[in-house]
Amino acid sequence: IRGDLKYGAKRSLPGGGISLHSRRVEFE
């Protein structure tokens, strides 16, 4: 994943975040 140095990304992102986003939650 973009920015995820811990899991093999080439470079980090400003602020230390990674490009993984909890997009949607669905439930009753």
PDB file of all heavy atoms in Angstrom:
ATOM      1  N   ILE A   1       0.841  -1.202   0.000  1.00  0.00           N
ATOM      2  CA  ILE A   1       0.000   0.000   0.000  1.00  0.00           C
ATOM      3  C   ILE A   1       0.872   1.246   0.000  1.00  0.00           C
ATOM      4  O   ILE A   1       1.900   1.310   0.688  1.00  0.00           O
ATOM      5  CB  ILE A   1      -0.936  -0.021   1.214  1.00  0.00           C
ATOM      6  CG1 ILE A   1      -1.932  -1.191   1.092  1.00  0.00           C
ATOM      7  CG2 ILE A   1      -1.697   1.296   1.362  1.00  0.00           C
ATOM      8  CD1 ILE A   1      -2.725  -1.472   2.360  1.00  0.00           C
ATOM      9  N   ARG A   2       0.469   2.219  -0.764  1.00  0.00           N
ATOM     10  CA  ARG A   2       1.181   3.503  -0.850  1.00  0.00           C
ATOM     11  C   ARG A   2       1.478   4.062   0.547  1.00  0.00           C
ATOM     12  O   ARG A   2       0.591   4.191   1.378  1.00  0.00           O
ATOM     13  CB  ARG A   2       0.320   4.481  -1.643  1.00  0.00           C
ATOM     14  CG  ARG A   2       0.823   5.913  -1.724  1.00  0.00           C
ATOM     15  CD  ARG A   2      -0.164   6.720  -2.531  1.00  0.00           C
ATOM     16  NE  ARG A   2       0.145   8.135  -2.639  1.00  0.00           N
ATOM     17  CZ  ARG A   2      -0.640   9.125  -2.229  1.00  0.00           C
ATOM     18  NH1 ARG A   2      -1.811   8.851  -1.650  1.00  0.00           N
ATOM     19  NH2 ARG A   2      -0.296  10.385  -2.380  1.00  0.00           N
ATOM     20  N   GLY A   3       2.743   4.366   0.791  1.00  0.00           N
ATOM     21  CA  GLY A   3       3.161   4.953   2.050  1.00  0.00           C
ATOM     22  C   GLY A   3       3.454   3.968   3.166  1.00  0.00           C
ATOM     23  O   GLY A   3       3.966   4.365   4.210  1.00  0.00           O
ATOM     24  N   ASP A   4       3.174   2.678   2.958  1.00  0.00           N
ATOM     25  CA  ASP A   4       3.289   1.694   4.041  1.00  0.00           C
ATOM     26  C   ASP A   4       4.686   1.065   4.049  1.00  0.00           C
ATOM     27  O   ASP A   4       4.885  -0.070   3.616  1.00  0.00           O
ATOM     28  CB  ASP A   4       2.206   0.627   3.880  1.00  0.00           C
ATOM     29  CG  ASP A   4       1.975  -0.173   5.149  1.00  0.00           C
ATOM     30  OD1 ASP A   4       2.655   0.101   6.158  1.00  0.00           O
ATOM     31  OD2 ASP A   4       1.103  -1.062   5.136  1.00  0.00           O
ATOM     32  N   LEU A   5       5.659   1.800   4.571  1.00  0.00           N
ATOM     33  CA  LEU A   5       7.038   1.323   4.600  1.00  0.00           C
ATOM     34  C   LEU A   5       7.168  -0.002   5.343  1.00  0.00           C
ATOM     35  O   LEU A   5       7.982  -0.851   4.978  1.00  0.00           O
ATOM     36  CB  LEU A   5       7.944   2.371   5.271  1.00  0.00           C
ATOM     37  CG  LEU A   5       8.142   3.702   4.549  1.00  0.00           C
ATOM     38  CD1 LEU A   5       9.071   4.599   5.363  1.00  0.00           C
ATOM     39  CD2 LEU A   5       8.704   3.501   3.147  1.00  0.00           C
ATOM     40  N   LYS A   6       6.371  -0.187   6.388  1.00  0.00           N
ATOM     41  CA  LYS A   6       6.452  -1.407   7.198  1.00  0.00           C
ATOM     42  C   LYS A   6       6.165  -2.653   6.366  1.00  0.00           C
ATOM     43  O   LYS A   6       6.669  -3.744   6.659  1.00  0.00           O
ATOM     44  CB  LYS A   6       5.472  -1.308   8.374  1.00  0.00           C
ATOM     45  CG  LYS A   6       5.498  -2.484   9.321  1.00  0.00           C
ATOM     46  CD  LYS A   6       4.653  -2.226  10.560  1.00  0.00           C
ATOM     47  CE  LYS A   6       5.372  -1.328  11.537  1.00  0.00           C
ATOM     48  NZ  LYS A   6       4.688  -1.270  12.863  1.00  0.00           N
ATOM     49  N   TYR A   7       5.375  -2.493   5.305  1.00  0.00           N
ATOM     50  CA  TYR A   7       5.008  -3.647   4.481  1.00  0.00           C
ATOM     51  C   TYR A   7       5.492  -3.510   3.031  1.00  0.00           C
ATOM     52  O   TYR A   7       4.873  -4.042   2.111  1.00  0.00           O
ATOM     53  CB  TYR A   7       3.496  -3.868   4.544  1.00  0.00           C
ATOM     54  CG  TYR A   7       3.068  -4.393   5.907  1.00  0.00           C
ATOM     55  CD1 TYR A   7       2.649  -3.531   6.908  1.00  0.00           C
ATOM     56  CD2 TYR A   7       3.152  -5.754   6.202  1.00  0.00           C
ATOM     57  CE1 TYR A   7       2.299  -4.002   8.161  1.00  0.00           C
ATOM     58  CE2 TYR A   7       2.796  -6.241   7.447  1.00  0.00           C
ATOM     59  CZ  TYR A   7       2.373  -5.362   8.426  1.00  0.00           C
ATOM     60  OH  TYR A   7       2.035  -5.848   9.668  1.00  0.00           O
ATOM     61  N   GLY A   8       6.607  -2.794   2.852  1.00  0.00           N
ATOM     62  CA  GLY A   8       7.282  -2.842   1.562  1.00  0.00           C
ATOM     63  C   GLY A   8       7.079  -1.694   0.606  1.00  0.00           C
ATOM     64  O   GLY A   8       7.563  -1.752  -0.534  1.00  0.00           O
ATOM     65  N   ALA A   9       6.380  -0.636   1.008  1.00  0.00           N
ATOM     66  CA  ALA A   9       6.204   0.511   0.114  1.00  0.00           C
ATOM     67  C   ALA A   9       7.552   1.190  -0.128  1.00  0.00           C
ATOM     68  O   ALA A   9       8.448   1.156   0.717  1.00  0.00           O
ATOM     69  CB  ALA A   9       5.217   1.513   0.701  1.00  0.00           C
ATOM     70  N   LYS A  10       7.690   1.824  -1.273  1.00  0.00           N
ATOM     71  CA  LYS A  10       8.964   2.449  -1.650  1.00  0.00           C
ATOM     72  C   LYS A  10       9.246   3.715  -0.859  1.00  0.00           C
ATOM     73  O   LYS A  10      10.402   4.039  -0.591  1.00  0.00           O
ATOM     74  CB  LYS A  10       8.956   2.771  -3.155  1.00  0.00           C
ATOM     75  CG  LYS A  10       8.923   1.564  -4.080  1.00  0.00           C
ATOM     76  CD  LYS A  10       9.048   2.016  -5.526  1.00  0.00           C
ATOM     77  CE  LYS A  10       9.042   0.830  -6.490  1.00  0.00           C
ATOM     78  NZ  LYS A  10       7.709   0.224  -6.592  1.00  0.00           N
ATOM     79  N   ARG A  11       8.221   4.473  -0.526  1.00  0.00           N
ATOM     80  CA  ARG A  11       8.436   5.742   0.175  1.00  0.00           C
ATOM     81  C   ARG A  11       7.260   6.022   1.116  1.00  0.00           C
ATOM     82  O   ARG A  11       6.173   5.487   0.938  1.00  0.00           O
ATOM     83  CB  ARG A  11       8.615   6.891  -0.812  1.00  0.00           C
ATOM     84  CG  ARG A  11       7.455   7.112  -1.759  1.00  0.00           C
ATOM     85  CD  ARG A  11       7.758   8.191  -2.779  1.00  0.00           C
ATOM     86  NE  ARG A  11       8.858   7.827  -3.646  1.00  0.00           N
ATOM     87  CZ  ARG A  11       8.709   7.112  -4.759  1.00  0.00           C
ATOM     88  NH1 ARG A  11       7.512   6.672  -5.119  1.00  0.00           N
ATOM     89  NH2 ARG A  11       9.738   6.806  -5.496  1.00  0.00           N
ATOM     90  N   SER A  12       7.527   6.875   2.098  1.00  0.00           N
ATOM     91  CA  SER A  12       6.498   7.238   3.075  1.00  0.00           C
ATOM     92  C   SER A  12       5.678   8.402   2.556  1.00  0.00           C
ATOM     93  O   SER A  12       5.996   9.016   1.538  1.00  0.00           O
ATOM     94  CB  SER A  12       7.151   7.606   4.411  1.00  0.00           C
ATOM     95  OG  SER A  12       7.996   8.735   4.245  1.00  0.00           O
ATOM     96  N   LEU A  13       4.610   8.719   3.285  1.00  0.00           N
ATOM     97  CA  LEU A  13       3.762   9.865   2.976  1.00  0.00           C
ATOM     98  C   LEU A  13       3.925  10.926   4.059  1.00  0.00           C
ATOM     99  O   LEU A  13       4.217  10.601   5.209  1.00  0.00           O
ATOM    100  CB  LEU A  13       2.287   9.436   2.897  1.00  0.00           C
ATOM    101  CG  LEU A  13       1.899   8.473   1.779  1.00  0.00           C
ATOM    102  CD1 LEU A  13       0.422   8.116   1.892  1.00  0.00           C
ATOM    103  CD2 LEU A  13       2.193   9.078   0.421  1.00  0.00           C
ATOM    104  N   PRO A  14       3.711  12.194   3.731  1.00  0.00           N
ATOM    105  CA  PRO A  14       3.754  13.242   4.752  1.00  0.00           C
ATOM    106  C   PRO A  14       2.778  12.932   5.881  1.00  0.00           C
ATOM    107  O   PRO A  14       1.640  12.533   5.640  1.00  0.00           O
ATOM    108  CB  PRO A  14       3.330  14.499   3.984  1.00  0.00           C
ATOM    109  CG  PRO A  14       3.658  14.208   2.551  1.00  0.00           C
ATOM    110  CD  PRO A  14       3.434  12.740   2.380  1.00  0.00           C
ATOM    111  N   GLY A  15       3.235  13.064   7.108  1.00  0.00           N
ATOM    112  CA  GLY A  15       2.371  12.810   8.251  1.00  0.00           C
ATOM    113  C   GLY A  15       2.354  11.370   8.708  1.00  0.00           C
ATOM    114  O   GLY A  15       1.762  11.046   9.741  1.00  0.00           O
ATOM    115  N   GLY A  16       2.978  10.470   7.950  1.00  0.00           N
ATOM    116  CA  GLY A  16       3.085   9.083   8.374  1.00  0.00           C
ATOM    117  C   GLY A  16       1.877   8.206   8.097  1.00  0.00           C
ATOM    118  O   GLY A  16       1.837   7.048   8.518  1.00  0.00           O
ATOM    119  N   GLY A  17       0.870   8.729   7.393  1.00  0.00           N
ATOM    120  CA  GLY A  17      -0.295   7.912   7.059  1.00  0.00           C
ATOM    121  C   GLY A  17       0.002   6.972   5.898  1.00  0.00           C
ATOM    122  O   GLY A  17       1.069   7.028   5.270  1.00  0.00           O
ATOM    123  N   ILE A  18      -0.925   6.089   5.624  1.00  0.00           N
ATOM    124  CA  ILE A  18      -0.835   5.208   4.461  1.00  0.00           C
ATOM    125  C   ILE A  18      -2.150   5.308   3.684  1.00  0.00           C
ATOM    126  O   ILE A  18      -3.165   5.737   4.228  1.00  0.00           O
ATOM    127  CB  ILE A  18      -0.547   3.735   4.856  1.00  0.00           C
ATOM    128  CG1 ILE A  18      -1.704   3.147   5.669  1.00  0.00           C
ATOM    129  CG2 ILE A  18       0.763   3.640   5.642  1.00  0.00           C
ATOM    130  CD1 ILE A  18      -1.540   1.657   5.987  1.00  0.00           C
ATOM    131  N   SER A  19      -2.105   4.910   2.428  1.00  0.00           N
ATOM    132  CA  SER A  19      -3.301   5.034   1.578  1.00  0.00           C
ATOM    133  C   SER A  19      -4.196   3.803   1.689  1.00  0.00           C
ATOM    134  O   SER A  19      -4.454   3.089   0.722  1.00  0.00           O
ATOM    135  CB  SER A  19      -2.894   5.289   0.123  1.00  0.00           C
ATOM    136  OG  SER A  19      -2.292   6.555   0.004  1.00  0.00           O
ATOM    137  N   LEU A  20      -4.656   3.576   2.923  1.00  0.00           N
ATOM    138  CA  LEU A  20      -5.658   2.554   3.211  1.00  0.00           C
ATOM    139  C   LEU A  20      -6.798   3.278   3.928  1.00  0.00           C
ATOM    140  O   LEU A  20      -6.568   3.958   4.931  1.00  0.00           O
ATOM    141  CB  LEU A  20      -5.089   1.435   4.075  1.00  0.00           C
ATOM    142  CG  LEU A  20      -6.059   0.321   4.452  1.00  0.00           C
ATOM    143  CD1 LEU A  20      -6.610  -0.386   3.227  1.00  0.00           C
ATOM    144  CD2 LEU A  20      -5.370  -0.695   5.379  1.00  0.00           C
ATOM    145  N   HIS A  21      -8.015   3.109   3.405  1.00  0.00           N
ATOM    146  CA  HIS A  21      -9.152   3.922   3.855  1.00  0.00           C
ATOM    147  C   HIS A  21     -10.359   3.026   4.110  1.00  0.00           C
ATOM    148  O   HIS A  21     -10.763   2.244   3.240  1.00  0.00           O
ATOM    149  CB  HIS A  21      -9.471   4.942   2.757  1.00  0.00           C
ATOM    150  CG  HIS A  21     -10.582   5.883   3.080  1.00  0.00           C
ATOM    151  ND1 HIS A  21     -10.486   6.861   4.057  1.00  0.00           N
ATOM    152  CD2 HIS A  21     -11.827   6.006   2.545  1.00  0.00           C
ATOM    153  CE1 HIS A  21     -11.619   7.545   4.100  1.00  0.00           C
ATOM    154  NE2 HIS A  21     -12.451   7.044   3.205  1.00  0.00           N
ATOM    155  N   SER A  22     -10.896   3.134   5.308  1.00  0.00           N
ATOM    156  CA  SER A  22     -12.128   2.412   5.653  1.00  0.00           C
ATOM    157  C   SER A  22     -13.289   3.100   4.938  1.00  0.00           C
ATOM    158  O   SER A  22     -13.837   4.088   5.417  1.00  0.00           O
ATOM    159  CB  SER A  22     -12.330   2.430   7.178  1.00  0.00           C
ATOM    160  OG  SER A  22     -13.573   1.861   7.535  1.00  0.00           O
ATOM    161  N   ARG A  23     -13.635   2.580   3.765  1.00  0.00           N
ATOM    162  CA  ARG A  23     -14.538   3.282   2.861  1.00  0.00           C
ATOM    163  C   ARG A  23     -16.008   3.186   3.261  1.00  0.00           C
ATOM    164  O   ARG A  23     -16.761   4.140   3.141  1.00  0.00           O
ATOM    165  CB  ARG A  23     -14.359   2.729   1.449  1.00  0.00           C
ATOM    166  CG  ARG A  23     -15.281   3.303   0.382  1.00  0.00           C
ATOM    167  CD  ARG A  23     -15.036   4.776   0.141  1.00  0.00           C
ATOM    168  NE  ARG A  23     -15.782   5.254  -1.036  1.00  0.00           N
ATOM    169  CZ  ARG A  23     -15.860   6.525  -1.395  1.00  0.00           C
ATOM    170  NH1 ARG A  23     -15.233   7.453  -0.687  1.00  0.00           N
ATOM    171  NH2 ARG A  23     -16.544   6.879  -2.455  1.00  0.00           N
ATOM    172  N   ARG A  24     -16.423   2.020   3.758  1.00  0.00           N
ATOM    173  CA  ARG A  24     -17.862   1.832   3.984  1.00  0.00           C
ATOM    174  C   ARG A  24     -18.098   0.794   5.085  1.00  0.00           C
ATOM    175  O   ARG A  24     -17.393  -0.213   5.172  1.00  0.00           O
ATOM    176  CB  ARG A  24     -18.521   1.373   2.686  1.00  0.00           C
ATOM    177  CG  ARG A  24     -20.034   1.349   2.679  1.00  0.00           C
ATOM    178  CD  ARG A  24     -20.580   1.243   1.253  1.00  0.00           C
ATOM    179  NE  ARG A  24     -20.049   0.115   0.499  1.00  0.00           N
ATOM    180  CZ  ARG A  24     -19.144   0.218  -0.478  1.00  0.00           C
ATOM    181  NH1 ARG A  24     -18.652   1.392  -0.827  1.00  0.00           N
ATOM    182  NH2 ARG A  24     -18.722  -0.859  -1.120  1.00  0.00           N
ATOM    183  N   VAL A  25     -19.112   1.057   5.915  1.00  0.00           N
ATOM    184  CA  VAL A  25     -19.591   0.058   6.870  1.00  0.00           C
ATOM    185  C   VAL A  25     -21.087  -0.149   6.631  1.00  0.00           C
ATOM    186  O   VAL A  25     -21.822   0.819   6.415  1.00  0.00           O
ATOM    187  CB  VAL A  25     -19.333   0.474   8.337  1.00  0.00           C
ATOM    188  CG1 VAL A  25     -17.870   0.380   8.675  1.00  0.00           C
ATOM    189  CG2 VAL A  25     -19.868   1.866   8.642  1.00  0.00           C
ATOM    190  N   GLU A  26     -21.506  -1.402   6.645  1.00  0.00           N
ATOM    191  CA  GLU A  26     -22.904  -1.756   6.386  1.00  0.00           C
ATOM    192  C   GLU A  26     -23.356  -2.777   7.417  1.00  0.00           C
ATOM    193  O   GLU A  26     -22.657  -3.755   7.686  1.00  0.00           O
ATOM    194  CB  GLU A  26     -23.050  -2.345   4.986  1.00  0.00           C
ATOM    195  CG  GLU A  26     -22.605  -1.417   3.854  1.00  0.00           C
ATOM    196  CD  GLU A  26     -22.524  -2.140   2.524  1.00  0.00           C
ATOM    197  OE1 GLU A  26     -23.580  -2.443   1.947  1.00  0.00           O
ATOM    198  OE2 GLU A  26     -21.396  -2.418   2.071  1.00  0.00           O
ATOM    199  N   PHE A  27     -24.531  -2.557   7.992  1.00  0.00           N
ATOM    200  CA  PHE A  27     -25.010  -3.444   9.037  1.00  0.00           C
ATOM    201  C   PHE A  27     -26.495  -3.176   9.285  1.00  0.00           C
ATOM    202  O   PHE A  27     -27.055  -2.186   8.801  1.00  0.00           O
ATOM    203  CB  PHE A  27     -24.226  -3.219  10.338  1.00  0.00           C
ATOM    204  CG  PHE A  27     -24.190  -1.781  10.788  1.00  0.00           C
ATOM    205  CD1 PHE A  27     -25.122  -1.283  11.683  1.00  0.00           C
ATOM    206  CD2 PHE A  27     -23.216  -0.912  10.295  1.00  0.00           C
ATOM    207  CE1 PHE A  27     -25.101   0.045  12.082  1.00  0.00           C
ATOM    208  CE2 PHE A  27     -23.184   0.419  10.693  1.00  0.00           C
ATOM    209  CZ  PHE A  27     -24.124   0.895  11.581  1.00  0.00           C
ATOM    210  N   GLU A  28     -27.109  -4.062  10.059  1.00  0.00           N
ATOM    211  CA  GLU A  28     -28.479  -3.844  10.499  1.00  0.00           C
ATOM    212  C   GLU A  28     -28.447  -3.043  11.792  1.00  0.00           C
ATOM    213  O   GLU A  28     -27.689  -3.363  12.719  1.00  0.00           O
ATOM    214  CB  GLU A  28     -29.169  -5.196  10.737  1.00  0.00           C
ATOM    215  CG  GLU A  28     -30.615  -5.074  11.178  1.00  0.00           C
ATOM    216  CD  GLU A  28     -31.250  -6.426  11.441  1.00  0.00           C
ATOM    217  OE1 GLU A  28     -31.032  -6.967  12.550  1.00  0.00           O
ATOM    218  OE2 GLU A  28     -31.938  -6.941  10.550  1.00  0.00           O
TER     219      GLU A  28
END
